[in-house]
Protein backbone atom coordinates (compact mmCIF):
# COMPACT_ATOMS: atom_id res chain seq x y z
CA UNK A 1 65.77 -35.30 62.32
CA UNK A 2 63.28 -37.61 64.02
CA UNK A 3 64.10 -41.31 64.03
CA UNK A 4 60.92 -43.17 63.20
CA UNK A 5 60.35 -46.52 64.82
CA UNK A 6 59.71 -48.54 61.64
CA UNK A 7 63.10 -48.49 59.97
CA UNK A 8 63.80 -44.76 60.13
CA UNK A 9 61.20 -43.78 57.54
CA UNK A 10 58.66 -41.00 58.13
CA UNK A 11 55.01 -42.11 58.25
CA UNK A 12 53.11 -42.44 54.99
CA UNK A 13 49.60 -41.10 54.48
CA UNK A 14 48.02 -44.37 55.57
CA UNK A 15 49.55 -43.69 58.98
CA UNK A 16 47.45 -40.53 59.11
CA UNK A 17 44.21 -42.30 58.28
CA UNK A 18 44.89 -45.09 60.74
CA UNK A 19 45.94 -42.70 63.49
CA UNK A 20 42.90 -40.50 63.10
CA UNK A 21 40.77 -43.59 63.46
CA UNK A 22 42.57 -44.47 66.65
CA UNK A 23 41.47 -41.25 68.30
CA UNK A 24 37.96 -42.55 69.00
CA UNK A 25 36.77 -45.29 71.33
CA UNK A 26 34.93 -48.21 69.76
CA UNK A 27 33.58 -51.26 71.53
CA UNK A 28 34.46 -54.76 70.36
CA UNK A 29 31.75 -56.75 68.64
CA UNK A 30 31.70 -60.52 68.44
CA UNK A 31 31.07 -61.82 64.94
CA UNK A 32 32.12 -64.59 62.61
CA UNK A 33 33.11 -62.19 59.85
CA UNK A 34 36.26 -60.30 58.93
CA UNK A 35 36.78 -56.94 57.26
CA UNK A 36 37.16 -58.94 54.08
CA UNK A 37 35.00 -59.29 50.97
CA UNK A 38 35.01 -61.15 47.66
CA UNK A 39 33.58 -59.86 44.37
CA UNK A 40 33.03 -62.19 41.43
CA UNK A 41 33.97 -61.13 37.92
CA UNK A 42 33.02 -63.01 34.80
CA UNK A 43 36.11 -65.25 35.01
CA UNK A 44 37.82 -64.37 38.29
CA UNK A 45 37.47 -63.15 41.87
CA UNK A 46 38.73 -59.89 43.36
CA UNK A 47 39.19 -60.01 47.12
CA UNK A 48 39.17 -56.84 49.22
CA UNK A 49 40.81 -56.75 52.64
CA UNK A 50 40.45 -53.80 54.99
CA UNK A 51 43.82 -53.10 56.55
CA UNK A 52 44.82 -51.89 59.98
CA UNK A 53 48.10 -50.20 59.20
CA UNK A 54 49.59 -50.51 62.70
CA UNK A 55 49.33 -53.52 65.00
CA UNK A 56 51.03 -54.80 68.12
CA UNK A 57 53.44 -57.63 67.22
CA UNK A 58 51.71 -59.83 69.79
CA UNK A 59 48.38 -59.31 68.02
CA UNK A 60 49.47 -59.27 64.39
CA UNK A 61 48.12 -62.56 63.07
CA UNK A 62 46.38 -62.21 59.72
CA UNK A 63 42.86 -63.44 58.85
CA UNK A 64 43.07 -66.98 57.40
CA UNK A 65 40.62 -66.07 54.62
CA UNK A 66 42.92 -63.26 53.49
CA UNK A 67 45.95 -65.56 53.52
CA UNK A 68 44.03 -68.01 51.33
CA UNK A 69 43.12 -65.19 48.94
CA UNK A 70 46.75 -64.10 48.82
CA UNK A 71 47.79 -67.59 47.76
CA UNK A 72 45.29 -67.53 44.88
CA UNK A 73 46.02 -63.96 43.75
CA UNK A 74 48.10 -63.12 40.71
CA UNK A 75 49.09 -59.83 42.34
CA UNK A 76 48.45 -57.58 45.31
CA UNK A 77 46.74 -54.22 44.82
CA UNK A 78 47.74 -51.70 47.50
CA UNK A 79 47.51 -47.99 48.18
CA UNK A 80 51.21 -47.69 47.34
CA UNK A 81 53.83 -50.25 46.41
CA UNK A 82 55.67 -50.68 49.71
CA UNK A 83 58.35 -52.73 47.96
CA UNK A 84 59.15 -49.98 45.47
CA UNK A 85 62.53 -48.36 46.04
CA UNK A 86 60.98 -44.95 45.39
CA UNK A 87 58.47 -45.48 48.20
CA UNK A 88 61.22 -46.71 50.52
CA UNK A 89 63.22 -43.51 49.97
CA UNK A 90 60.31 -41.33 51.03
CA UNK A 91 62.45 -39.02 53.13
CA UNK A 92 64.43 -37.98 50.07
CA UNK A 93 61.62 -37.95 47.49
CA UNK A 94 58.97 -36.23 49.58
CA UNK A 95 61.03 -34.00 51.84
CA UNK A 96 59.73 -30.72 50.39
CA UNK A 97 56.15 -31.80 51.04
CA UNK A 98 56.86 -32.39 54.72
CA UNK A 99 58.90 -29.27 55.42
CA UNK A 100 57.91 -25.65 55.86
CA UNK A 101 59.19 -23.13 53.31
CA UNK A 102 62.63 -21.77 54.07
CA UNK A 103 62.52 -19.09 56.75
CA UNK A 104 59.31 -20.34 58.38
CA UNK A 105 59.11 -22.16 61.70
CA UNK A 106 56.46 -24.31 63.30
CA UNK A 107 56.31 -21.92 66.26
CA UNK A 108 55.51 -18.98 64.02
CA UNK A 109 52.92 -20.88 61.95
CA UNK A 110 51.08 -22.18 65.02
CA UNK A 111 51.21 -19.02 67.12
CA UNK A 112 52.13 -18.77 70.83
CA UNK A 113 49.09 -20.48 72.39
CA UNK A 114 48.90 -23.43 70.00
CA UNK A 115 52.67 -23.87 69.98
CA UNK A 116 52.72 -23.85 73.78
CA UNK A 117 50.24 -26.73 73.82
CA UNK A 118 52.29 -28.55 71.22
CA UNK A 119 55.52 -28.14 73.20
CA UNK A 120 53.93 -29.43 76.40
CA UNK A 121 52.68 -32.51 74.58
CA UNK A 122 56.03 -33.16 72.88
CA UNK A 123 57.93 -32.94 76.15
CA UNK A 124 55.46 -35.30 77.84
CA UNK A 125 56.43 -37.87 75.21
CA UNK A 126 60.13 -37.40 76.01
CA UNK A 127 60.92 -35.57 72.76
CA UNK A 128 62.59 -32.26 72.03
CA UNK A 129 60.39 -29.57 70.40
CA UNK A 130 63.29 -28.41 68.22
CA UNK A 131 63.10 -31.72 66.34
CA UNK A 132 59.85 -30.48 64.78
CA UNK A 133 60.82 -26.85 64.15
CA UNK A 134 60.86 -27.03 60.34
CA UNK A 135 58.04 -29.54 59.81
CA UNK A 136 54.68 -28.54 58.42
CA UNK A 137 51.97 -28.79 61.10
CA UNK A 138 50.29 -31.82 59.48
CA UNK A 139 53.52 -33.80 59.54
CA UNK A 140 54.29 -32.79 63.12
CA UNK A 141 50.83 -34.07 64.10
CA UNK A 142 51.38 -37.41 62.36
CA UNK A 143 54.82 -37.83 63.93
CA UNK A 144 53.35 -37.20 67.39
CA UNK A 145 50.58 -39.72 66.87
CA UNK A 146 53.08 -42.28 65.65
CA UNK A 147 55.27 -41.75 68.69
CA UNK A 148 52.33 -42.19 71.04
CA UNK A 149 51.32 -45.48 69.45
CA UNK A 150 54.91 -46.69 69.27
CA UNK A 151 55.30 -46.12 72.99
CA UNK A 152 52.19 -48.27 73.53
CA UNK A 153 53.60 -51.14 71.51
CA UNK A 154 52.04 -50.53 68.06
CA UNK A 155 54.31 -50.98 65.05
CA UNK A 156 53.78 -50.34 61.35
CA UNK A 157 56.06 -53.25 60.48
CA UNK A 158 53.50 -55.53 62.17
CA UNK A 159 50.62 -53.91 60.29
CA UNK A 160 48.61 -55.71 57.64
CA UNK A 161 50.12 -53.80 54.71
CA UNK A 162 53.73 -54.39 55.67
CA UNK A 163 53.16 -58.07 56.39
CA UNK A 164 51.64 -58.71 52.98
CA UNK A 165 54.28 -56.59 51.25
CA UNK A 166 57.00 -58.69 52.88
CA UNK A 167 55.28 -61.88 51.73
CA UNK A 168 55.01 -60.51 48.20
CA UNK A 169 58.70 -59.63 48.15
CA UNK A 170 59.66 -63.11 49.30
CA UNK A 171 57.31 -64.75 46.79
CA UNK A 172 58.17 -62.32 43.97
CA UNK A 173 54.47 -61.51 43.68
CA UNK A 174 53.85 -58.15 41.96
CA UNK A 175 52.20 -55.21 43.70
CA UNK A 176 49.93 -52.85 41.77
CA UNK A 177 49.86 -49.36 43.32
CA UNK A 178 46.64 -47.35 43.38
CA UNK A 179 48.55 -44.10 43.84
CA UNK A 180 52.05 -42.71 44.37
CA UNK A 181 53.78 -41.67 47.58
CA UNK A 182 53.90 -38.05 46.42
CA UNK A 183 50.14 -38.12 45.83
CA UNK A 184 49.62 -39.39 49.37
CA UNK A 185 51.79 -36.72 50.94
CA UNK A 186 50.28 -34.04 48.74
CA UNK A 187 46.80 -34.41 50.23
CA UNK A 188 48.06 -32.95 53.50
CA UNK A 189 50.91 -30.80 52.28
CA UNK A 190 48.56 -28.69 50.18
CA UNK A 191 46.27 -27.76 53.06
CA UNK A 192 46.54 -24.13 54.11
CA UNK A 193 48.54 -23.29 57.23
CA UNK A 194 45.28 -22.54 59.05
CA UNK A 195 43.80 -25.91 58.07
CA UNK A 196 46.98 -27.67 59.16
CA UNK A 197 46.98 -25.75 62.44
CA UNK A 198 43.42 -26.87 63.18
CA UNK A 199 44.34 -30.44 62.26
CA UNK A 200 47.25 -30.44 64.70
CA UNK A 201 45.11 -28.98 67.49
CA UNK A 202 42.49 -31.65 66.80
CA UNK A 203 45.23 -34.24 67.17
CA UNK A 204 46.29 -32.78 70.53
CA UNK A 205 42.68 -32.65 71.76
CA UNK A 206 42.22 -36.35 71.09
CA UNK A 207 45.65 -37.48 72.26
CA UNK A 208 44.39 -38.97 75.52
CA UNK A 209 42.13 -41.41 73.68
CA UNK A 210 44.70 -42.58 71.15
CA UNK A 211 45.71 -45.84 72.79
CA UNK A 212 42.27 -47.01 73.91
CA UNK A 213 40.89 -46.09 70.50
CA UNK A 214 43.63 -48.01 68.71
CA UNK A 215 42.91 -51.20 70.64
CA UNK A 216 39.20 -50.84 69.96
CA UNK A 217 39.73 -50.26 66.24
CA UNK A 218 41.74 -53.47 66.03
CA UNK A 219 38.94 -55.33 67.85
CA UNK A 220 36.29 -53.95 65.47
CA UNK A 221 38.47 -54.80 62.49
CA UNK A 222 39.06 -58.38 63.62
CA UNK A 223 35.35 -58.97 64.14
CA UNK A 224 34.35 -57.41 60.81
CA UNK A 225 32.14 -54.90 62.62
CA UNK A 226 31.35 -52.71 59.63
CA UNK A 227 28.78 -50.64 61.53
CA UNK A 228 31.37 -49.63 64.13
CA UNK A 229 33.95 -48.78 61.50
CA UNK A 230 31.39 -46.75 59.55
CA UNK A 231 30.45 -44.87 62.72
CA UNK A 232 34.12 -44.15 63.30
CA UNK A 233 34.55 -42.88 59.78
CA UNK A 234 31.79 -40.31 60.18
CA UNK A 235 32.74 -39.13 63.66
CA UNK A 236 36.45 -38.88 63.02
CA UNK A 237 36.06 -36.31 60.26
CA UNK A 238 32.94 -34.50 61.49
CA UNK A 239 34.98 -31.35 62.09
CA UNK A 240 36.88 -31.69 58.82
CA UNK A 241 34.44 -32.49 55.97
CA UNK A 242 36.83 -31.21 53.30
CA UNK A 243 39.66 -33.31 54.67
CA UNK A 244 37.35 -36.32 54.86
CA UNK A 245 36.37 -35.85 51.22
CA UNK A 246 39.99 -35.64 50.06
CA UNK A 247 41.24 -38.57 52.10
CA UNK A 248 38.41 -41.01 51.58
CA UNK A 249 35.60 -40.22 49.15
CA UNK A 250 37.71 -38.71 46.37
CA UNK A 251 40.37 -41.40 46.60
CA UNK A 252 37.79 -44.20 46.61
CA UNK A 253 36.25 -42.87 43.41
CA UNK A 254 39.67 -42.59 41.75
CA UNK A 255 40.48 -46.17 42.72
CA UNK A 256 37.15 -47.65 41.63
CA UNK A 257 37.87 -47.87 37.84
CA UNK A 258 41.17 -49.64 38.52
CA UNK A 259 39.44 -52.20 40.71
CA UNK A 260 36.51 -52.80 38.35
CA UNK A 261 38.98 -53.27 35.51
CA UNK A 262 40.49 -56.20 37.45
CA UNK A 263 37.06 -57.88 37.43
CA UNK A 264 37.32 -58.26 33.65
CA UNK A 265 40.50 -60.33 33.82
CA UNK A 266 41.05 -64.07 34.10
CA UNK A 267 43.10 -64.25 37.31
CA UNK A 268 42.35 -63.38 40.92
CA UNK A 269 43.59 -60.30 42.80
CA UNK A 270 43.82 -59.29 46.45
CA UNK A 271 43.14 -55.60 47.13
CA UNK A 272 44.45 -54.29 50.46
CA UNK A 273 43.47 -50.75 51.52
CA UNK A 274 42.75 -49.07 54.83
CA UNK A 275 39.61 -50.56 56.39
CA UNK A 276 37.87 -47.19 56.43
CA UNK A 277 38.02 -47.10 52.62
CA UNK A 278 35.71 -50.11 52.41
CA UNK A 279 32.84 -49.02 54.66
CA UNK A 280 30.06 -46.44 54.42
CA UNK A 281 27.94 -45.25 51.52
CA UNK A 282 31.02 -43.82 49.78
CA UNK A 283 33.19 -46.85 50.57
CA UNK A 284 34.55 -49.11 47.87
CA UNK A 285 32.17 -51.94 48.74
CA UNK A 286 29.13 -49.69 48.31
CA UNK A 287 30.57 -48.20 45.11
CA UNK A 288 31.14 -51.66 43.64
CA UNK A 289 27.58 -52.66 44.50
CA UNK A 290 26.27 -49.46 42.91
CA UNK A 291 28.21 -50.46 39.79
CA UNK A 292 26.30 -53.75 39.68
CA UNK A 293 28.68 -56.11 41.44
CA UNK A 294 27.79 -58.31 44.41
CA UNK A 295 30.23 -58.17 47.35
CA UNK A 296 30.19 -60.99 49.91
CA UNK A 297 31.68 -60.42 53.37
CA UNK A 298 33.57 -63.39 54.82
């Protein structure tokens, strides 16, 4: 079994979203804003922070405005509760979603040409192809992307989500989950073998740009360059509109009622989701504005 760099756990779905974003090059943009908004309710404020799920430890400082919002917040609202024991035992709880059915192999599912490309890429990373033999193609793709970023110094434990989850655990601040781990894994696990094969090949095609793209995404995130992030969102999924809809648009619309409900309470909340969920005409910021709320970027 593969040993994953962040504590031995396999990557969650937010790894996938972040890693896909890292496949494209974005230029840095100087600005005085962050990927951070506030929305006023009748008696409270809901803050929304766009997360980069993987960061280099040397570049992992958090936006001061978000730290201030955390101090005021009654609870964190996150994609999943990273402090939940069920989420931490992902390998056991979600194993069937990551593995091929008994009797199938990755080589057979991919076919000779695609598997040959996969093997060459795996060996270039210093890994053994047999480690992936029973994984579904989507999970093999995610594991490869994670390994590439890990070798370049990126670490999920330094990411925005993990840092805030650790603070919440230390402060005994509750975390409200927008979805479950099994729901996250299910988005990919229920793709057809052909869809998963194309996804893995797409990952291999963009492998050379992974590191440069990751650095640029972090730069755009730090500067609050919403236009760049929105451009990334569209380009990254241009070849996979159905996948884009499942991973972003559909999830945003499922999350929206939970977030608007918080705006009717008396205490503040800090919502932390992948930055790409907040931008674009189907992003949570636009959806909140369409619902009549005013979002202010800080």
